[in-house]
Amino acid sequence: MINKRLLIKNLLAHNSENSFYDKKRQIDLGEKEGKAKFLKHVCALSNSNPHNNSFIVIGVEDADNSIKGVDFFDDSKIQNLVNAYLENPPLISYENIPFPHLPDDLVVGLVTVRPNNERICSLRKNLWKYTAGTAFYREGSISMPAEFSTKLKNNNEEVVASIEAHSRNNIELTLDGVFDFYKKHEDLNPGYKVFKEYFVVCWSGKKKVVKEKTYFSRVDIALINEQVKLFYSELDEVSINISADAFKIVEFVRLGLKEQYRYYPLEEVEIHFKDNATYEMKTDLLFEPPQFEKKTLHHIFNTNNALLNKLRGGLELTPHEEKDLFNLPATYLICYFNGFKDAIERMEEARKELKEHNDKVYQQYKESLRILRKVKYN
């Protein structure tokens, strides 16, 4: 089993970007340009590596390889995005890799691209300034359009196999990972479970019991063998269920209007561990958007718009308006789920102002986009 943190270190140490490895300070799949560039790189890496994995490391400074980290990105349906835009799409995974020097909410993103049977990958439809039918290829560290008339070839198999072999996990790395996790989360009820005498899952969270059911907030869950952060949230409530061969969580999101809130199930994630030292992860979207009266939502939508205009104008907000601003991302999200199609666009246009105004409001903004992304990709 590959230790993904060690793999990232070996990729960074190996050399600069090349035909099997790319690095980014960050990506933005919410913008057309960011989505297009990401898919271009995935396409190029797939075509340049028909016989081996290739990688994108996210959260690293290009100039000096310093690890800065990015927000936790828990989109299990990113394959759906790739399938929608690419012909002969590769298999793709996005994993969140914690590093000891980073705060809990930051990780390094690791995208692994697995080619699709040596078939040429190309754009299925127009995307940003790229036209349908375009295929990309890696020329050194650059992803560029290319014409293919023969079978795909590369000579990266041996070097990638060597990097992966030097990134294998061992008992020392696993034990160090468990101790590091406990030390970092000692005030949040850390626990662990060994599955099939091989896999080690650690979790932590602030525990509470409601009507004889146990829930956790500020939850952090990691598969220690691979050094992969499986789940992280400062805001949501999570239930955890553990059996002999499976670890299952159900995530709940808090939504409501006018001080009337409730928790709605968002997604169920189950990791099933097998006897042959492998595991599979299954996700099911459970979310049913709450519905409210259109008259009430029209009032909230207009209030949010006026509040953003006041914020953009540099006017001071009253304590009541500050409270409304904190709830603005979630209420825009509710409006969107109830037929106000431009609500998300209004919210995204205010990203800069929300980020500069208050970190807590910006966290709410990112949380709302995360919920929206999960629903849209499903």
Protein backbone atom coordinates (compact mmCIF):
# COMPACT_ATOMS: atom_id res chain seq x y z
CA MET A 1 0.00 0.00 0.00
CA ILE A 2 1.31 3.43 -0.96
CA ASN A 3 1.75 6.11 1.69
CA LYS A 4 0.42 9.14 -0.20
CA ARG A 5 2.30 11.70 1.90
CA LEU A 6 5.56 9.90 1.11
CA LEU A 7 4.54 9.70 -2.56
CA ILE A 8 4.08 13.49 -2.69
CA LYS A 9 7.48 14.02 -1.06
CA ASN A 10 9.10 11.69 -3.59
CA LEU A 11 7.37 13.42 -6.50
CA LEU A 12 8.53 16.83 -5.28
CA ALA A 13 12.06 15.56 -4.70
CA HIS A 14 12.29 13.67 -7.99
CA ASN A 15 12.45 16.65 -10.33
CA SER A 16 10.39 19.52 -11.69
CA GLU A 17 7.09 19.12 -13.50
CA ASN A 18 7.24 16.68 -16.38
CA SER A 19 5.16 14.39 -18.55
CA PHE A 20 3.83 12.32 -15.60
CA TYR A 21 3.65 14.93 -12.85
CA ASP A 22 2.20 18.41 -12.52
CA LYS A 23 1.89 20.71 -9.53
CA LYS A 24 -0.46 23.60 -8.79
CA ARG A 25 -0.75 26.19 -6.07
CA GLN A 26 -4.50 25.73 -6.27
CA ILE A 27 -7.32 24.86 -8.67
CA ASP A 28 -10.78 26.36 -8.99
CA LEU A 29 -13.38 23.99 -10.39
CA GLY A 30 -16.12 26.56 -9.74
CA GLU A 31 -14.89 28.82 -12.56
CA LYS A 32 -15.05 27.92 -16.26
CA GLU A 33 -11.39 28.75 -16.81
CA GLY A 34 -10.24 26.77 -13.77
CA LYS A 35 -12.36 23.77 -14.72
CA ALA A 36 -11.11 23.87 -18.32
CA LYS A 37 -7.44 24.04 -17.34
CA PHE A 38 -7.82 21.20 -14.85
CA LEU A 39 -9.48 18.95 -17.43
CA LYS A 40 -6.83 19.90 -20.01
CA HIS A 41 -4.08 18.71 -17.65
CA VAL A 42 -5.96 15.48 -16.85
CA CYS A 43 -6.39 14.81 -20.57
CA ALA A 44 -2.73 15.55 -21.30
CA LEU A 45 -1.41 13.36 -18.49
CA SER A 46 -3.64 10.48 -19.57
CA ASN A 47 -2.43 10.67 -23.18
CA SER A 48 1.21 11.02 -22.14
CA ASN A 49 1.12 8.04 -19.78
CA PRO A 50 -0.87 5.20 -21.36
CA HIS A 51 0.86 2.53 -19.23
CA ASN A 52 1.31 4.12 -15.80
CA ASN A 53 -0.28 6.46 -13.28
CA SER A 54 0.36 10.19 -13.46
CA PHE A 55 -0.20 12.83 -10.80
CA ILE A 56 -1.23 16.41 -10.05
CA VAL A 57 -0.11 17.78 -6.67
CA ILE A 58 -2.16 20.75 -5.44
CA GLY A 59 -1.13 23.17 -2.71
CA VAL A 60 2.56 23.56 -3.57
CA GLU A 61 4.44 26.72 -4.57
CA ASP A 62 5.84 26.32 -8.05
CA ALA A 63 9.05 28.28 -7.42
CA ASP A 64 10.46 26.47 -4.40
CA ASN A 65 8.20 23.39 -3.83
CA SER A 66 7.14 24.74 -0.42
CA ILE A 67 3.98 23.04 0.84
CA LYS A 68 1.30 25.66 1.56
CA GLY A 69 -1.83 23.50 1.45
CA VAL A 70 -5.35 24.04 0.17
CA ASP A 71 -8.84 23.60 1.63
CA PHE A 72 -10.08 20.06 2.20
CA PHE A 73 -11.91 18.96 -0.96
CA ASP A 74 -14.26 16.03 -0.39
CA ASP A 75 -15.80 15.59 -3.80
CA SER A 76 -16.17 11.88 -4.33
CA LYS A 77 -17.96 12.51 -7.65
CA ILE A 78 -15.12 14.27 -9.46
CA GLN A 79 -15.06 11.29 -11.83
CA ASN A 80 -18.50 12.43 -13.02
CA LEU A 81 -17.03 15.79 -14.02
CA VAL A 82 -14.23 14.09 -15.98
CA ASN A 83 -16.69 11.71 -17.67
CA ALA A 84 -18.94 14.60 -18.69
CA TYR A 85 -16.23 16.56 -20.51
CA LEU A 86 -13.68 13.99 -21.75
CA GLU A 87 -13.96 11.29 -24.41
CA ASN A 88 -12.27 8.04 -23.29
CA PRO A 89 -11.80 9.53 -19.82
CA PRO A 90 -9.14 8.16 -17.49
CA LEU A 91 -9.97 6.94 -14.01
CA ILE A 92 -9.28 9.75 -11.59
CA SER A 93 -9.13 10.13 -7.83
CA TYR A 94 -8.73 13.22 -5.67
CA GLU A 95 -7.30 12.58 -2.20
CA ASN A 96 -6.63 14.94 0.69
CA ILE A 97 -3.21 14.39 2.24
CA PRO A 98 -2.46 15.94 5.68
CA PHE A 99 1.01 17.26 6.51
CA PRO A 100 2.08 17.80 10.15
CA HIS A 101 3.01 21.47 9.73
CA LEU A 102 -0.32 22.44 8.14
CA PRO A 103 -3.38 23.49 10.19
CA ASP A 104 -6.25 20.99 10.42
CA ASP A 105 -8.30 22.66 7.67
CA LEU A 106 -5.50 22.57 5.07
CA VAL A 107 -4.18 19.58 3.14
CA VAL A 108 -2.28 18.81 -0.04
CA GLY A 109 -4.51 17.61 -2.87
CA LEU A 110 -3.30 14.56 -4.79
CA VAL A 111 -4.95 13.78 -8.12
CA THR A 112 -4.08 10.35 -9.53
CA VAL A 113 -4.79 9.81 -13.23
CA ARG A 114 -5.07 6.23 -14.48
CA PRO A 115 -5.16 5.88 -18.32
CA ASN A 116 -7.98 4.21 -20.21
CA ASN A 117 -6.60 1.27 -22.20
CA GLU A 118 -4.27 3.32 -24.40
CA ARG A 119 -7.21 5.06 -26.09
CA ILE A 120 -6.76 8.73 -26.92
CA CYS A 121 -8.47 11.07 -24.47
CA SER A 122 -10.02 14.25 -25.91
CA LEU A 123 -12.59 16.92 -25.13
CA ARG A 124 -16.14 15.66 -25.52
CA LYS A 125 -17.57 19.18 -25.93
CA ASN A 126 -16.51 22.81 -26.04
CA LEU A 127 -15.09 24.12 -22.79
CA TRP A 128 -13.93 27.70 -22.23
CA LYS A 129 -11.59 28.44 -25.18
CA TYR A 130 -10.96 24.76 -25.98
CA THR A 131 -13.00 23.15 -28.76
CA ALA A 132 -14.63 19.73 -28.78
CA GLY A 133 -12.42 16.99 -30.16
CA THR A 134 -9.16 18.55 -29.00
CA ALA A 135 -6.62 16.12 -27.49
CA PHE A 136 -3.79 17.28 -25.25
CA TYR A 137 -0.32 15.94 -24.58
CA ARG A 138 2.49 16.77 -22.15
CA GLU A 139 5.57 18.33 -23.68
CA GLY A 140 7.86 18.51 -20.66
CA SER A 141 5.93 20.53 -18.10
CA ILE A 142 3.43 21.98 -20.58
CA SER A 143 0.04 20.57 -21.53
CA MET A 144 -0.58 21.38 -25.20
CA PRO A 145 -2.87 20.36 -28.08
CA ALA A 146 -1.56 17.50 -30.18
CA GLU A 147 -2.45 15.37 -33.17
CA PHE A 148 -2.36 11.59 -32.69
CA SER A 149 -2.12 9.25 -35.67
CA THR A 150 -0.49 6.28 -33.98
CA LYS A 151 -0.81 4.37 -30.74
CA LEU A 152 0.09 6.30 -27.60
CA LYS A 153 3.63 5.77 -26.34
CA ASN A 154 5.69 6.84 -23.38
CA ASN A 155 8.77 5.82 -21.46
CA ASN A 156 7.68 6.71 -17.93
CA GLU A 157 6.75 3.25 -16.68
CA GLU A 158 10.01 2.42 -14.94
CA VAL A 159 10.53 5.80 -13.27
CA VAL A 160 6.93 5.98 -11.97
CA ALA A 161 7.12 2.38 -10.75
CA SER A 162 10.32 3.26 -8.87
CA ILE A 163 8.74 6.33 -7.23
CA GLU A 164 5.69 4.31 -6.16
CA ALA A 165 7.90 1.49 -4.84
CA HIS A 166 9.84 3.97 -2.68
CA SER A 167 6.52 5.29 -1.32
CA ARG A 168 5.32 2.02 0.19
CA ASN A 169 3.96 2.15 3.70
CA ASN A 170 5.51 0.29 6.64
CA ILE A 171 4.72 -0.36 10.31
CA GLU A 172 6.85 2.55 11.52
CA LEU A 173 5.02 5.04 9.29
CA THR A 174 1.65 3.63 10.41
CA LEU A 175 2.46 3.85 14.11
CA ASP A 176 3.89 7.35 13.72
CA GLY A 177 0.70 8.32 11.92
CA VAL A 178 -1.52 7.05 14.76
CA PHE A 179 0.55 8.84 17.44
CA ASP A 180 0.59 12.06 15.41
CA PHE A 181 -3.19 11.91 14.96
CA TYR A 182 -3.82 11.37 18.68
CA LYS A 183 -1.46 14.17 19.65
CA LYS A 184 -3.07 16.62 17.25
CA HIS A 185 -6.62 15.76 18.35
CA GLU A 186 -6.17 15.00 22.03
CA ASP A 187 -8.98 17.39 23.02
CA LEU A 188 -11.50 15.87 20.55
CA ASN A 189 -11.99 12.26 21.72
CA PRO A 190 -9.63 10.52 19.26
CA GLY A 191 -10.22 6.86 18.48
CA TYR A 192 -8.95 4.17 16.15
CA LYS A 193 -10.00 0.86 14.66
CA VAL A 194 -7.95 -1.83 12.90
CA PHE A 195 -9.79 -3.56 10.05
CA LYS A 196 -8.79 -6.95 8.66
CA GLU A 197 -5.62 -6.84 10.78
CA TYR A 198 -4.19 -4.36 8.28
CA PHE A 199 -6.06 -1.08 7.82
CA VAL A 200 -5.99 1.58 10.55
CA VAL A 201 -8.68 4.27 10.63
CA CYS A 202 -8.43 7.14 13.13
CA TRP A 203 -11.19 9.62 13.91
CA SER A 204 -11.90 12.46 16.29
CA GLY A 205 -14.74 14.85 17.02
CA LYS A 206 -16.72 16.73 19.63
CA LYS A 207 -19.27 14.24 20.89
CA LYS A 208 -22.91 14.91 21.74
CA VAL A 209 -25.93 12.69 22.34
CA VAL A 210 -29.39 13.66 21.03
CA LYS A 211 -32.34 11.38 21.75
CA GLU A 212 -30.00 8.46 22.48
CA LYS A 213 -28.16 8.95 19.17
CA THR A 214 -24.49 9.99 19.13
CA TYR A 215 -23.22 12.68 16.79
CA PHE A 216 -19.86 14.36 16.30
CA SER A 217 -18.88 17.85 15.18
CA ARG A 218 -15.43 19.18 14.19
CA VAL A 219 -14.85 15.74 12.73
CA ASP A 220 -11.55 14.52 11.31
CA ILE A 221 -11.22 11.00 9.85
CA ALA A 222 -8.04 9.54 8.35
CA LEU A 223 -6.91 6.26 6.78
CA ILE A 224 -3.48 6.11 8.41
CA ASN A 225 -1.96 3.45 6.14
CA GLU A 226 -2.21 5.76 3.15
CA GLN A 227 -2.03 9.05 5.08
CA VAL A 228 -5.31 10.15 3.48
CA LYS A 229 -7.75 12.45 5.23
CA LEU A 230 -11.12 10.88 4.46
CA PHE A 231 -13.34 13.55 5.98
CA TYR A 232 -13.01 16.94 7.63
CA SER A 233 -15.61 19.52 8.67
CA GLU A 234 -15.68 22.32 11.20
CA LEU A 235 -19.40 22.88 10.75
CA ASP A 236 -21.42 19.74 10.07
CA GLU A 237 -22.71 16.97 12.31
CA VAL A 238 -21.67 13.39 11.58
CA SER A 239 -22.84 10.01 12.78
CA ILE A 240 -20.31 7.16 12.81
CA ASN A 241 -21.10 3.45 12.57
CA ILE A 242 -18.39 0.80 12.81
CA SER A 243 -18.69 -2.91 12.05
CA ALA A 244 -16.13 -5.69 11.70
CA ASP A 245 -15.28 -4.84 8.09
CA ALA A 246 -16.76 -1.41 7.42
CA PHE A 247 -16.56 2.19 8.59
CA LYS A 248 -19.62 4.28 7.74
CA ILE A 249 -20.42 7.95 8.28
CA VAL A 250 -23.53 9.99 7.56
CA GLU A 251 -23.02 13.73 7.21
CA PHE A 252 -25.74 16.20 8.21
CA VAL A 253 -25.91 19.88 7.17
CA ARG A 254 -27.62 22.65 9.14
CA LEU A 255 -30.07 24.70 7.10
CA GLY A 256 -33.09 26.87 7.84
CA LEU A 257 -34.66 30.33 7.85
CA LYS A 258 -35.54 32.84 10.55
CA GLU A 259 -33.88 30.99 13.43
CA GLN A 260 -35.73 27.79 12.51
CA TYR A 261 -32.98 25.31 11.72
CA ARG A 262 -32.70 21.57 11.40
CA TYR A 263 -30.09 19.07 10.28
CA TYR A 264 -30.60 17.42 6.89
CA PRO A 265 -28.74 14.25 5.88
CA LEU A 266 -26.35 15.13 3.05
CA GLU A 267 -24.27 12.08 2.18
CA GLU A 268 -23.46 8.59 3.38
CA VAL A 269 -19.91 7.28 2.94
CA GLU A 270 -19.05 3.64 3.60
CA ILE A 271 -15.54 2.19 3.42
CA HIS A 272 -15.64 -1.57 3.07
CA PHE A 273 -12.40 -3.42 3.88
CA LYS A 274 -11.70 -6.74 2.17
CA ASP A 275 -9.65 -9.81 3.07
CA ASN A 276 -7.23 -9.31 0.16
CA ALA A 277 -5.78 -6.09 1.64
CA THR A 278 -7.94 -3.81 -0.49
CA TYR A 279 -10.89 -1.57 0.24
CA GLU A 280 -13.64 0.18 -1.66
CA MET A 281 -15.44 3.40 -0.84
CA LYS A 282 -19.11 3.90 -1.66
CA THR A 283 -20.94 7.22 -1.44
CA ASP A 284 -24.67 7.88 -1.60
CA LEU A 285 -26.23 11.32 -1.77
CA LEU A 286 -29.08 11.52 0.73
CA PHE A 287 -29.90 15.20 0.42
CA GLU A 288 -33.48 16.36 -0.12
CA PRO A 289 -33.44 20.19 -0.32
CA PRO A 290 -35.79 21.90 2.14
CA GLN A 291 -38.73 23.72 0.56
CA PHE A 292 -40.13 27.06 1.75
CA GLU A 293 -42.83 29.54 0.75
CA LYS A 294 -41.89 31.61 -2.30
CA LYS A 295 -43.07 34.85 -0.65
CA THR A 296 -40.66 34.35 2.26
CA LEU A 297 -37.82 33.45 -0.08
CA HIS A 298 -38.40 36.52 -2.28
CA HIS A 299 -38.02 38.69 0.81
CA ILE A 300 -34.81 36.93 1.88
CA PHE A 301 -33.37 37.01 -1.65
CA ASN A 302 -33.95 40.76 -1.96
CA THR A 303 -32.60 41.36 1.56
CA ASN A 304 -29.41 39.45 0.69
CA ASN A 305 -28.95 41.48 -2.50
CA ALA A 306 -29.38 44.76 -0.61
CA LEU A 307 -26.97 43.58 2.07
CA LEU A 308 -24.28 42.81 -0.51
CA ASN A 309 -24.77 46.23 -2.12
CA LYS A 310 -24.23 47.85 1.25
CA LEU A 311 -21.13 45.74 1.84
CA ARG A 312 -19.71 46.67 -1.57
CA GLY A 313 -20.38 50.33 -0.82
CA GLY A 314 -18.20 50.16 2.28
CA LEU A 315 -21.07 51.03 4.61
CA GLU A 316 -21.05 49.86 8.20
CA LEU A 317 -23.40 46.98 9.00
CA THR A 318 -25.66 46.87 12.03
CA PRO A 319 -25.40 43.90 14.42
CA HIS A 320 -28.60 42.49 12.91
CA GLU A 321 -27.16 42.84 9.39
CA GLU A 322 -23.95 41.15 10.49
CA LYS A 323 -26.05 38.19 11.60
CA ASP A 324 -27.88 38.14 8.26
CA LEU A 325 -24.55 38.30 6.44
CA PHE A 326 -23.29 35.26 8.35
CA ASN A 327 -26.37 33.32 7.17
CA LEU A 328 -26.29 34.79 3.64
CA PRO A 329 -24.46 31.90 1.87
CA ALA A 330 -26.82 29.29 3.34
CA THR A 331 -29.95 31.34 2.59
CA TYR A 332 -28.80 31.96 -0.99
CA LEU A 333 -28.30 28.19 -1.26
CA ILE A 334 -31.85 27.56 -0.02
CA CYS A 335 -33.14 30.10 -2.54
CA TYR A 336 -31.31 28.28 -5.32
CA PHE A 337 -32.79 24.92 -4.30
CA ASN A 338 -36.22 26.55 -4.41
CA GLY A 339 -36.00 27.84 -7.97
CA PHE A 340 -34.01 31.10 -7.68
CA LYS A 341 -31.48 30.11 -10.35
CA ASP A 342 -29.33 33.25 -10.11
CA ALA A 343 -28.92 33.04 -6.32
CA ILE A 344 -25.63 31.13 -6.57
CA GLU A 345 -24.30 33.54 -9.17
CA ARG A 346 -25.07 36.45 -6.84
CA MET A 347 -23.27 34.69 -4.00
CA GLU A 348 -20.22 33.80 -6.09
CA GLU A 349 -19.93 37.39 -7.31
CA ALA A 350 -19.57 38.44 -3.67
CA ARG A 351 -16.73 36.02 -2.91
CA LYS A 352 -14.08 38.72 -2.64
CA GLU A 353 -16.16 40.93 -0.32
CA LEU A 354 -17.16 38.03 1.93
CA LYS A 355 -13.56 36.84 2.22
CA GLU A 356 -12.27 40.29 3.12
CA HIS A 357 -15.08 41.04 5.55
CA ASN A 358 -15.00 38.09 7.93
CA ASP A 359 -13.35 34.68 7.98
CA LYS A 360 -16.40 33.02 9.58
CA VAL A 361 -18.66 34.32 6.81
CA TYR A 362 -16.18 33.10 4.21
CA GLN A 363 -16.19 29.64 5.80
CA GLN A 364 -19.98 29.60 5.43
CA TYR A 365 -19.54 30.61 1.79
CA LYS A 366 -17.17 27.70 1.12
CA GLU A 367 -19.46 25.29 2.96
CA SER A 368 -22.44 26.30 0.81
CA LEU A 369 -20.44 25.79 -2.38
CA ARG A 370 -19.32 22.38 -1.12
CA ILE A 371 -22.94 21.29 -0.61
CA LEU A 372 -23.89 22.65 -4.03
CA ARG A 373 -20.99 20.83 -5.70
CA LYS A 374 -21.98 17.50 -4.18
CA VAL A 375 -25.60 17.91 -5.32
CA LYS A 376 -24.70 19.06 -8.86
CA TYR A 377 -22.13 16.34 -9.53
CA ASN A 378 -24.59 13.69 -8.42
